[in-house]
Amino acid sequence: MRFVVTGEWSRNRLLQTIVVLYVVYVAGLWLTNALLYFHKMGLTPGSVTDYYLGNEERFLSPRSYQGLLEVSHFHLFAMGMLLLVLTHLMLFVPVANGTKAWLIALPFLAAAVDEGAGWGVRFVHPLFAYVKIAGFLLLQGSLLALMGIALWAVFRGSTQAYRSGEPSSP
């Protein structure tokens, strides 16, 4: 925290390296998340409902309660930790507090929608497939934005981001 408050994070090469390597690691997660999603289903409601409700013609079994529970158990913990760290970096970017609030809240909302929509498709109504697609796209987009903004903030070098929460002048 001291590195951000004093502005040292823009001059400390080891701290910059940590943030950059973390973003590279998250980029790998982002890529594999997309690959896993598209391996299972696509951006069409039919592909999502086939995945969750099954499809006899394609020999797909419906997702079980236990299967969804196990995936949710892991995802809720892992995504929570990922988002805790990644959104925490947004506290230190030189943008207005309102923008920071959106950058922090939106990824958590997207992750919850993405996770919950599968349950909705399976146990509530197939129209939740649209919510699943929107949640996935919003999550992937918000993670991409957080990664880009974190890198931008590290290399921009402002010391005012943590103190005021308002954009600093160049």
N, C-alpha and C. Protein backbone atom coordinates (compact mmCIF):
# COMPACT_ATOMS: atom_id res chain seq x y z
N MET A 1 0.83 -1.19 0.00
CA MET A 1 0.00 0.00 0.00
C MET A 1 0.88 1.25 0.00
N ARG A 2 1.95 1.23 0.78
CA ARG A 2 2.84 2.38 0.86
C ARG A 2 3.36 2.79 -0.51
N PHE A 3 3.63 1.79 -1.37
CA PHE A 3 4.17 2.07 -2.70
C PHE A 3 3.20 2.89 -3.54
N VAL A 4 1.92 2.69 -3.33
CA VAL A 4 0.93 3.40 -4.11
C VAL A 4 0.70 4.79 -3.55
N VAL A 5 0.61 4.89 -2.22
CA VAL A 5 0.36 6.18 -1.58
C VAL A 5 1.49 7.16 -1.87
N THR A 6 2.72 6.69 -1.82
CA THR A 6 3.88 7.57 -2.05
C THR A 6 4.22 7.73 -3.51
N GLY A 7 3.58 6.98 -4.37
CA GLY A 7 3.87 7.06 -5.80
C GLY A 7 5.04 6.21 -6.23
N GLU A 8 5.57 5.42 -5.31
CA GLU A 8 6.73 4.60 -5.62
C GLU A 8 6.42 3.49 -6.61
N TRP A 9 5.16 3.13 -6.78
CA TRP A 9 4.85 2.01 -7.68
C TRP A 9 5.17 2.38 -9.12
N SER A 10 5.26 3.66 -9.40
CA SER A 10 5.64 4.05 -10.76
C SER A 10 7.16 4.07 -10.93
N ARG A 11 7.90 3.98 -9.82
CA ARG A 11 9.36 3.97 -9.90
C ARG A 11 9.98 2.66 -9.44
N ASN A 12 9.20 1.81 -8.82
CA ASN A 12 9.71 0.56 -8.28
C ASN A 12 9.57 -0.54 -9.33
N ARG A 13 10.67 -0.91 -9.93
CA ARG A 13 10.66 -1.91 -11.01
C ARG A 13 10.17 -3.28 -10.53
N LEU A 14 10.48 -3.66 -9.30
CA LEU A 14 10.02 -4.97 -8.81
C LEU A 14 8.51 -4.98 -8.65
N LEU A 15 7.95 -3.90 -8.14
CA LEU A 15 6.50 -3.83 -8.00
C LEU A 15 5.82 -3.81 -9.38
N GLN A 16 6.40 -3.07 -10.31
CA GLN A 16 5.86 -3.05 -11.67
C GLN A 16 5.92 -4.46 -12.27
N THR A 17 7.01 -5.15 -12.02
CA THR A 17 7.16 -6.51 -12.54
C THR A 17 6.09 -7.43 -11.96
N ILE A 18 5.81 -7.30 -10.66
CA ILE A 18 4.78 -8.12 -10.02
C ILE A 18 3.42 -7.87 -10.68
N VAL A 19 3.07 -6.61 -10.86
CA VAL A 19 1.77 -6.27 -11.45
C VAL A 19 1.70 -6.77 -12.90
N VAL A 20 2.76 -6.55 -13.65
CA VAL A 20 2.76 -7.00 -15.05
C VAL A 20 2.66 -8.52 -15.13
N LEU A 21 3.42 -9.24 -14.31
CA LEU A 21 3.35 -10.70 -14.33
C LEU A 21 1.99 -11.20 -13.87
N TYR A 22 1.39 -10.53 -12.90
CA TYR A 22 0.04 -10.90 -12.47
C TYR A 22 -0.95 -10.73 -13.62
N VAL A 23 -0.84 -9.62 -14.33
CA VAL A 23 -1.74 -9.38 -15.45
C VAL A 23 -1.52 -10.43 -16.55
N VAL A 24 -0.27 -10.81 -16.79
CA VAL A 24 0.00 -11.87 -17.76
C VAL A 24 -0.65 -13.17 -17.31
N TYR A 25 -0.56 -13.49 -16.04
CA TYR A 25 -1.18 -14.68 -15.48
C TYR A 25 -2.70 -14.63 -15.64
N VAL A 26 -3.29 -13.48 -15.34
CA VAL A 26 -4.74 -13.32 -15.49
C VAL A 26 -5.13 -13.39 -16.96
N ALA A 27 -4.27 -12.89 -17.84
CA ALA A 27 -4.55 -13.00 -19.28
C ALA A 27 -4.62 -14.47 -19.70
N GLY A 28 -3.78 -15.30 -19.12
CA GLY A 28 -3.85 -16.74 -19.38
C GLY A 28 -5.17 -17.32 -18.89
N LEU A 29 -5.60 -16.89 -17.71
CA LEU A 29 -6.89 -17.34 -17.19
C LEU A 29 -8.02 -16.86 -18.10
N TRP A 30 -7.94 -15.62 -18.55
CA TRP A 30 -8.95 -15.04 -19.43
C TRP A 30 -9.06 -15.86 -20.72
N LEU A 31 -7.93 -16.21 -21.29
CA LEU A 31 -7.91 -16.99 -22.53
C LEU A 31 -8.48 -18.39 -22.31
N THR A 32 -8.02 -19.07 -21.25
CA THR A 32 -8.52 -20.43 -21.01
C THR A 32 -9.99 -20.42 -20.64
N ASN A 33 -10.46 -19.37 -19.98
CA ASN A 33 -11.88 -19.25 -19.66
C ASN A 33 -12.70 -19.19 -20.95
N ALA A 34 -12.24 -18.39 -21.90
CA ALA A 34 -12.95 -18.29 -23.18
C ALA A 34 -12.88 -19.62 -23.94
N LEU A 35 -11.72 -20.25 -23.95
CA LEU A 35 -11.59 -21.52 -24.65
C LEU A 35 -12.48 -22.60 -24.05
N LEU A 36 -12.55 -22.65 -22.73
CA LEU A 36 -13.43 -23.63 -22.07
C LEU A 36 -14.90 -23.35 -22.39
N TYR A 37 -15.28 -22.09 -22.34
CA TYR A 37 -16.66 -21.74 -22.64
C TYR A 37 -17.02 -22.18 -24.05
N PHE A 38 -16.18 -21.82 -25.02
CA PHE A 38 -16.49 -22.13 -26.41
C PHE A 38 -16.32 -23.61 -26.75
N HIS A 39 -15.61 -24.33 -25.92
CA HIS A 39 -15.54 -25.79 -26.09
C HIS A 39 -16.87 -26.44 -25.70
N LYS A 40 -17.53 -25.86 -24.69
CA LYS A 40 -18.77 -26.42 -24.17
C LYS A 40 -20.01 -25.89 -24.90
N MET A 41 -19.98 -24.60 -25.27
CA MET A 41 -21.15 -23.96 -25.86
C MET A 41 -20.70 -22.75 -26.66
N GLY A 42 -21.63 -22.07 -27.27
CA GLY A 42 -21.31 -20.90 -28.07
C GLY A 42 -22.10 -19.70 -27.60
N LEU A 43 -22.22 -18.73 -28.48
CA LEU A 43 -22.95 -17.50 -28.15
C LEU A 43 -24.39 -17.54 -28.65
N THR A 44 -24.90 -18.74 -28.85
CA THR A 44 -26.31 -18.89 -29.23
C THR A 44 -27.08 -19.50 -28.05
N PRO A 45 -28.30 -19.04 -27.86
CA PRO A 45 -29.09 -19.61 -26.76
C PRO A 45 -29.26 -21.12 -26.88
N GLY A 46 -29.38 -21.63 -28.10
CA GLY A 46 -29.54 -23.07 -28.29
C GLY A 46 -28.35 -23.86 -27.78
N SER A 47 -27.15 -23.37 -28.02
CA SER A 47 -25.97 -24.09 -27.55
C SER A 47 -25.88 -24.08 -26.02
N VAL A 48 -26.32 -22.98 -25.42
CA VAL A 48 -26.31 -22.88 -23.95
C VAL A 48 -27.35 -23.83 -23.35
N THR A 49 -28.55 -23.82 -23.91
CA THR A 49 -29.58 -24.72 -23.37
C THR A 49 -29.20 -26.18 -23.60
N ASP A 50 -28.58 -26.49 -24.74
CA ASP A 50 -28.11 -27.87 -24.96
C ASP A 50 -27.11 -28.28 -23.90
N TYR A 51 -26.21 -27.39 -23.55
CA TYR A 51 -25.19 -27.72 -22.55
C TYR A 51 -25.82 -27.98 -21.18
N TYR A 52 -26.74 -27.12 -20.76
CA TYR A 52 -27.32 -27.25 -19.42
C TYR A 52 -28.49 -28.22 -19.34
N LEU A 53 -29.31 -28.28 -20.39
CA LEU A 53 -30.50 -29.14 -20.36
C LEU A 53 -30.30 -30.48 -21.07
N GLY A 54 -29.19 -30.59 -21.79
CA GLY A 54 -28.92 -31.82 -22.53
C GLY A 54 -29.55 -31.77 -23.91
N ASN A 55 -29.11 -32.71 -24.75
CA ASN A 55 -29.63 -32.81 -26.11
C ASN A 55 -29.46 -34.26 -26.54
N GLU A 56 -30.58 -34.97 -26.65
CA GLU A 56 -30.53 -36.40 -27.00
C GLU A 56 -29.89 -36.63 -28.36
N GLU A 57 -30.19 -35.77 -29.31
CA GLU A 57 -29.64 -35.94 -30.66
C GLU A 57 -28.12 -35.82 -30.69
N ARG A 58 -27.57 -35.00 -29.79
CA ARG A 58 -26.12 -34.81 -29.72
C ARG A 58 -25.50 -35.63 -28.57
N PHE A 59 -26.29 -36.46 -27.94
CA PHE A 59 -25.86 -37.31 -26.83
C PHE A 59 -25.27 -36.50 -25.67
N LEU A 60 -25.91 -35.38 -25.36
CA LEU A 60 -25.49 -34.53 -24.24
C LEU A 60 -26.44 -34.76 -23.08
N SER A 61 -25.89 -35.08 -21.93
CA SER A 61 -26.69 -35.24 -20.72
C SER A 61 -26.92 -33.88 -20.08
N PRO A 62 -28.05 -33.73 -19.39
CA PRO A 62 -28.26 -32.47 -18.67
C PRO A 62 -27.26 -32.35 -17.52
N ARG A 63 -26.92 -31.12 -17.17
CA ARG A 63 -26.03 -30.89 -16.03
C ARG A 63 -26.78 -31.28 -14.77
N SER A 64 -26.10 -31.97 -13.89
CA SER A 64 -26.73 -32.40 -12.64
C SER A 64 -26.61 -31.32 -11.57
N TYR A 65 -27.47 -31.42 -10.59
CA TYR A 65 -27.42 -30.51 -9.44
C TYR A 65 -26.04 -30.58 -8.79
N GLN A 66 -25.56 -31.78 -8.55
CA GLN A 66 -24.25 -31.95 -7.91
C GLN A 66 -23.13 -31.38 -8.78
N GLY A 67 -23.21 -31.61 -10.08
CA GLY A 67 -22.19 -31.08 -10.98
C GLY A 67 -22.15 -29.56 -10.97
N LEU A 68 -23.32 -28.94 -11.03
CA LEU A 68 -23.38 -27.47 -10.97
C LEU A 68 -22.90 -26.96 -9.61
N LEU A 69 -23.25 -27.68 -8.55
CA LEU A 69 -22.84 -27.28 -7.21
C LEU A 69 -21.33 -27.33 -7.06
N GLU A 70 -20.70 -28.38 -7.58
CA GLU A 70 -19.24 -28.50 -7.49
C GLU A 70 -18.54 -27.40 -8.28
N VAL A 71 -19.03 -27.10 -9.47
CA VAL A 71 -18.43 -26.04 -10.27
C VAL A 71 -18.62 -24.68 -9.58
N SER A 72 -19.83 -24.44 -9.08
CA SER A 72 -20.08 -23.17 -8.40
C SER A 72 -19.23 -23.02 -7.15
N HIS A 73 -19.07 -24.10 -6.41
CA HIS A 73 -18.26 -24.06 -5.18
C HIS A 73 -16.85 -23.58 -5.50
N PHE A 74 -16.25 -24.14 -6.50
CA PHE A 74 -14.89 -23.74 -6.88
C PHE A 74 -14.87 -22.34 -7.48
N HIS A 75 -15.79 -22.06 -8.41
CA HIS A 75 -15.80 -20.77 -9.09
C HIS A 75 -16.05 -19.61 -8.14
N LEU A 76 -16.95 -19.78 -7.19
CA LEU A 76 -17.24 -18.68 -6.27
C LEU A 76 -16.00 -18.30 -5.46
N PHE A 77 -15.24 -19.28 -5.03
CA PHE A 77 -14.01 -18.98 -4.29
C PHE A 77 -12.95 -18.39 -5.22
N ALA A 78 -12.68 -19.08 -6.32
CA ALA A 78 -11.57 -18.67 -7.20
C ALA A 78 -11.85 -17.30 -7.84
N MET A 79 -13.06 -17.10 -8.35
CA MET A 79 -13.37 -15.81 -8.96
C MET A 79 -13.38 -14.70 -7.92
N GLY A 80 -13.83 -15.02 -6.73
CA GLY A 80 -13.80 -14.03 -5.66
C GLY A 80 -12.38 -13.56 -5.36
N MET A 81 -11.45 -14.49 -5.28
CA MET A 81 -10.06 -14.15 -5.01
C MET A 81 -9.45 -13.37 -6.19
N LEU A 82 -9.70 -13.85 -7.39
CA LEU A 82 -9.19 -13.16 -8.57
C LEU A 82 -9.69 -11.73 -8.61
N LEU A 83 -10.99 -11.56 -8.43
CA LEU A 83 -11.57 -10.23 -8.51
C LEU A 83 -11.15 -9.34 -7.35
N LEU A 84 -10.95 -9.93 -6.18
CA LEU A 84 -10.46 -9.16 -5.04
C LEU A 84 -9.12 -8.50 -5.39
N VAL A 85 -8.20 -9.28 -5.93
CA VAL A 85 -6.88 -8.75 -6.26
C VAL A 85 -6.95 -7.79 -7.44
N LEU A 86 -7.62 -8.19 -8.49
CA LEU A 86 -7.64 -7.37 -9.71
C LEU A 86 -8.39 -6.06 -9.50
N THR A 87 -9.52 -6.10 -8.82
CA THR A 87 -10.26 -4.85 -8.59
C THR A 87 -9.57 -3.98 -7.55
N HIS A 88 -8.83 -4.59 -6.64
CA HIS A 88 -8.07 -3.83 -5.65
C HIS A 88 -7.09 -2.88 -6.34
N LEU A 89 -6.53 -3.31 -7.45
CA LEU A 89 -5.62 -2.45 -8.20
C LEU A 89 -6.31 -1.21 -8.73
N MET A 90 -7.63 -1.28 -8.92
CA MET A 90 -8.37 -0.13 -9.45
C MET A 90 -8.41 1.03 -8.45
N LEU A 91 -8.19 0.73 -7.18
CA LEU A 91 -8.17 1.81 -6.19
C LEU A 91 -7.05 2.80 -6.48
N PHE A 92 -6.04 2.36 -7.19
CA PHE A 92 -4.84 3.15 -7.37
C PHE A 92 -4.69 3.76 -8.76
N VAL A 93 -5.71 3.63 -9.59
CA VAL A 93 -5.62 4.21 -10.93
C VAL A 93 -6.10 5.66 -10.88
N PRO A 94 -5.49 6.51 -11.68
CA PRO A 94 -5.84 7.93 -11.65
C PRO A 94 -7.11 8.24 -12.45
N VAL A 95 -8.25 7.80 -11.93
CA VAL A 95 -9.55 8.12 -12.53
C VAL A 95 -10.49 8.54 -11.41
N ALA A 96 -11.62 9.11 -11.79
CA ALA A 96 -12.60 9.58 -10.81
C ALA A 96 -13.15 8.42 -9.97
N ASN A 97 -13.55 8.73 -8.75
CA ASN A 97 -14.08 7.70 -7.84
C ASN A 97 -15.30 6.98 -8.41
N GLY A 98 -16.15 7.70 -9.12
CA GLY A 98 -17.32 7.06 -9.74
C GLY A 98 -16.90 6.00 -10.75
N THR A 99 -15.88 6.31 -11.53
CA THR A 99 -15.36 5.34 -12.50
C THR A 99 -14.76 4.14 -11.79
N LYS A 100 -14.03 4.42 -10.71
CA LYS A 100 -13.45 3.32 -9.92
C LYS A 100 -14.54 2.41 -9.37
N ALA A 101 -15.63 3.01 -8.90
CA ALA A 101 -16.72 2.21 -8.36
C ALA A 101 -17.28 1.26 -9.43
N TRP A 102 -17.45 1.77 -10.65
CA TRP A 102 -17.93 0.91 -11.75
C TRP A 102 -16.91 -0.17 -12.08
N LEU A 103 -15.63 0.20 -12.11
CA LEU A 103 -14.59 -0.78 -12.43
C LEU A 103 -14.49 -1.88 -11.38
N ILE A 104 -14.91 -1.58 -10.18
CA ILE A 104 -14.88 -2.57 -9.09
C ILE A 104 -16.16 -3.39 -9.07
N ALA A 105 -17.30 -2.73 -9.15
CA ALA A 105 -18.59 -3.43 -9.00
C ALA A 105 -18.96 -4.28 -10.22
N LEU A 106 -18.70 -3.78 -11.41
CA LEU A 106 -19.14 -4.46 -12.63
C LEU A 106 -18.56 -5.88 -12.77
N PRO A 107 -17.28 -6.09 -12.55
CA PRO A 107 -16.76 -7.47 -12.68
C PRO A 107 -17.37 -8.44 -11.66
N PHE A 108 -17.62 -7.98 -10.44
CA PHE A 108 -18.26 -8.85 -9.45
C PHE A 108 -19.68 -9.19 -9.89
N LEU A 109 -20.41 -8.20 -10.38
CA LEU A 109 -21.76 -8.44 -10.87
C LEU A 109 -21.73 -9.41 -12.05
N ALA A 110 -20.81 -9.18 -12.99
CA ALA A 110 -20.71 -10.04 -14.17
C ALA A 110 -20.40 -11.48 -13.78
N ALA A 111 -19.50 -11.66 -12.83
CA ALA A 111 -19.14 -13.02 -12.39
C ALA A 111 -20.34 -13.71 -11.74
N ALA A 112 -21.09 -12.97 -10.94
CA ALA A 112 -22.27 -13.54 -10.29
C ALA A 112 -23.34 -13.90 -11.32
N VAL A 113 -23.55 -13.03 -12.30
CA VAL A 113 -24.53 -13.30 -13.34
C VAL A 113 -24.09 -14.51 -14.17
N ASP A 114 -22.82 -14.54 -14.55
CA ASP A 114 -22.30 -15.65 -15.34
C ASP A 114 -22.48 -16.98 -14.61
N GLU A 115 -22.17 -17.00 -13.34
CA GLU A 115 -22.30 -18.24 -12.56
C GLU A 115 -23.76 -18.61 -12.32
N GLY A 116 -24.57 -17.63 -11.95
CA GLY A 116 -25.96 -17.91 -11.62
C GLY A 116 -26.84 -18.25 -12.81
N ALA A 117 -26.50 -17.73 -13.98
CA ALA A 117 -27.34 -17.96 -15.15
C ALA A 117 -27.39 -19.42 -15.56
N GLY A 118 -26.31 -20.15 -15.37
CA GLY A 118 -26.33 -21.59 -15.67
C GLY A 118 -27.36 -22.31 -14.82
N TRP A 119 -27.42 -21.94 -13.55
CA TRP A 119 -28.44 -22.50 -12.66
C TRP A 119 -29.83 -22.13 -13.17
N GLY A 120 -29.95 -20.88 -13.63
CA GLY A 120 -31.24 -20.43 -14.15
C GLY A 120 -31.68 -21.22 -15.36
N VAL A 121 -30.76 -21.48 -16.28
CA VAL A 121 -31.09 -22.27 -17.47
C VAL A 121 -31.54 -23.66 -17.05
N ARG A 122 -30.78 -24.27 -16.15
CA ARG A 122 -31.04 -25.67 -15.78
C ARG A 122 -32.32 -25.84 -14.96
N PHE A 123 -32.57 -24.91 -14.03
CA PHE A 123 -33.65 -25.16 -13.08
C PHE A 123 -34.80 -24.15 -13.10
N VAL A 124 -34.68 -23.08 -13.89
CA VAL A 124 -35.75 -22.09 -13.92
C VAL A 124 -36.41 -22.02 -15.30
N HIS A 125 -35.65 -21.56 -16.30
CA HIS A 125 -36.23 -21.41 -17.64
C HIS A 125 -35.11 -21.31 -18.67
N PRO A 126 -35.31 -21.90 -19.84
CA PRO A 126 -34.28 -21.84 -20.89
C PRO A 126 -33.92 -20.42 -21.35
N LEU A 127 -34.80 -19.44 -21.13
CA LEU A 127 -34.48 -18.08 -21.53
C LEU A 127 -33.31 -17.49 -20.75
N PHE A 128 -32.93 -18.12 -19.65
CA PHE A 128 -31.74 -17.68 -18.92
C PHE A 128 -30.48 -17.88 -19.76
N ALA A 129 -30.59 -18.58 -20.88
CA ALA A 129 -29.45 -18.74 -21.78
C ALA A 129 -28.97 -17.36 -22.26
N TYR A 130 -29.89 -16.45 -22.50
CA TYR A 130 -29.49 -15.10 -22.91
C TYR A 130 -28.71 -14.40 -21.80
N VAL A 131 -29.13 -14.63 -20.57
CA VAL A 131 -28.43 -14.05 -19.42
C VAL A 131 -27.04 -14.66 -19.29
N LYS A 132 -26.93 -15.96 -19.52
CA LYS A 132 -25.63 -16.63 -19.46
C LYS A 132 -24.67 -16.04 -20.49
N ILE A 133 -25.13 -15.85 -21.71
CA ILE A 133 -24.29 -15.28 -22.76
C ILE A 133 -23.87 -13.86 -22.38
N ALA A 134 -24.82 -13.06 -21.93
CA ALA A 134 -24.51 -11.68 -21.53
C ALA A 134 -23.53 -11.65 -20.36
N GLY A 135 -23.74 -12.53 -19.38
CA GLY A 135 -22.85 -12.60 -18.23
C GLY A 135 -21.43 -12.98 -18.62
N PHE A 136 -21.31 -13.96 -19.51
CA PHE A 136 -19.99 -14.38 -19.98
C PHE A 136 -19.29 -13.23 -20.71
N LEU A 137 -19.99 -12.59 -21.62
CA LEU A 137 -19.37 -11.49 -22.38
C LEU A 137 -19.01 -10.31 -21.49
N LEU A 138 -19.89 -10.00 -20.53
CA LEU A 138 -19.61 -8.91 -19.60
C LEU A 138 -18.42 -9.24 -18.70
N LEU A 139 -18.34 -10.48 -18.24
CA LEU A 139 -17.21 -10.88 -17.40
C LEU A 139 -15.91 -10.82 -18.19
N GLN A 140 -15.90 -11.38 -19.39
CA GLN A 140 -14.68 -11.37 -20.20
C GLN A 140 -14.28 -9.93 -20.54
N GLY A 141 -15.26 -9.11 -20.88
CA GLY A 141 -14.96 -7.71 -21.20
C GLY A 141 -14.44 -6.93 -20.01
N SER A 142 -15.04 -7.14 -18.85
CA SER A 142 -14.60 -6.40 -17.67
C SER A 142 -13.22 -6.87 -17.20
N LEU A 143 -12.94 -8.16 -17.32
CA LEU A 143 -11.59 -8.64 -16.97
C LEU A 143 -10.55 -8.05 -17.91
N LEU A 144 -10.87 -7.99 -19.18
CA LEU A 144 -9.95 -7.41 -20.16
C LEU A 144 -9.71 -5.93 -19.85
N ALA A 145 -10.76 -5.21 -19.52
CA ALA A 145 -10.62 -3.79 -19.16
C ALA A 145 -9.76 -3.63 -17.91
N LEU A 146 -10.00 -4.45 -16.89
CA LEU A 146 -9.21 -4.35 -15.66
C LEU A 146 -7.73 -4.61 -15.92
N MET A 147 -7.44 -5.60 -16.76
CA MET A 147 -6.04 -5.89 -17.07
C MET A 147 -5.39 -4.71 -17.79
N GLY A 148 -6.08 -4.18 -18.78
CA GLY A 148 -5.53 -3.05 -19.53
C GLY A 148 -5.33 -1.82 -18.67
N ILE A 149 -6.31 -1.52 -17.83
CA ILE A 149 -6.23 -0.34 -16.97
C ILE A 149 -5.13 -0.51 -15.93
N ALA A 150 -4.96 -1.71 -15.39
CA ALA A 150 -3.89 -1.95 -14.41
C ALA A 150 -2.52 -1.70 -15.04
N LEU A 151 -2.33 -2.19 -16.25
CA LEU A 151 -1.05 -1.96 -16.93
C LEU A 151 -0.85 -0.48 -17.23
N TRP A 152 -1.91 0.16 -17.71
CA TRP A 152 -1.84 1.59 -17.99
C TRP A 152 -1.45 2.38 -16.75
N ALA A 153 -2.07 2.07 -15.60
CA ALA A 153 -1.80 2.81 -14.36
C ALA A 153 -0.37 2.59 -13.88
N VAL A 154 0.13 1.39 -14.02
CA VAL A 154 1.50 1.12 -13.56
C VAL A 154 2.50 1.95 -14.35
N PHE A 155 2.31 2.01 -15.65
CA PHE A 155 3.29 2.69 -16.48
C PHE A 155 3.03 4.18 -16.67
N ARG A 156 1.87 4.63 -16.26
CA ARG A 156 1.55 6.06 -16.36
C ARG A 156 2.33 6.85 -15.32
N GLY A 157 2.40 6.31 -14.09
CA GLY A 157 3.25 6.92 -13.08
C GLY A 157 2.65 8.03 -12.26
N SER A 158 1.34 8.10 -12.09
CA SER A 158 0.73 9.15 -11.28
C SER A 158 0.81 8.82 -9.80
N THR A 159 1.04 9.84 -8.96
CA THR A 159 1.05 9.65 -7.52
C THR A 159 -0.26 10.11 -6.88
N GLN A 160 -1.17 10.67 -7.65
CA GLN A 160 -2.39 11.24 -7.10
C GLN A 160 -3.57 10.27 -7.04
N ALA A 161 -3.45 9.12 -7.61
CA ALA A 161 -4.59 8.22 -7.75
C ALA A 161 -5.16 7.79 -6.41
N TYR A 162 -4.31 7.48 -5.47
CA TYR A 162 -4.81 6.97 -4.20
C TYR A 162 -5.27 8.08 -3.29
N ARG A 163 -4.62 9.20 -3.34
CA ARG A 163 -4.94 10.30 -2.43
C ARG A 163 -6.31 10.92 -2.67
N SER A 164 -6.60 11.25 -3.92
CA SER A 164 -7.83 11.99 -4.17
C SER A 164 -8.91 11.19 -4.85
N GLY A 165 -8.52 10.18 -5.60
CA GLY A 165 -9.49 9.42 -6.36
C GLY A 165 -9.97 10.14 -7.59
N GLU A 166 -9.46 11.32 -7.84
CA GLU A 166 -9.82 12.09 -9.01
C GLU A 166 -8.68 12.02 -10.01
N PRO A 167 -9.00 12.18 -11.28
CA PRO A 167 -7.93 12.15 -12.27
C PRO A 167 -6.91 13.24 -12.00
N SER A 168 -5.66 12.88 -12.14
CA SER A 168 -4.61 13.87 -11.96
C SER A 168 -4.25 14.49 -13.30
N SER A 169 -3.77 15.68 -13.24
CA SER A 169 -3.40 16.33 -14.50
C SER A 169 -2.05 15.80 -14.96
N PRO A 170 -1.84 15.71 -16.27
CA PRO A 170 -0.59 15.15 -16.78
C PRO A 170 0.60 16.01 -16.50
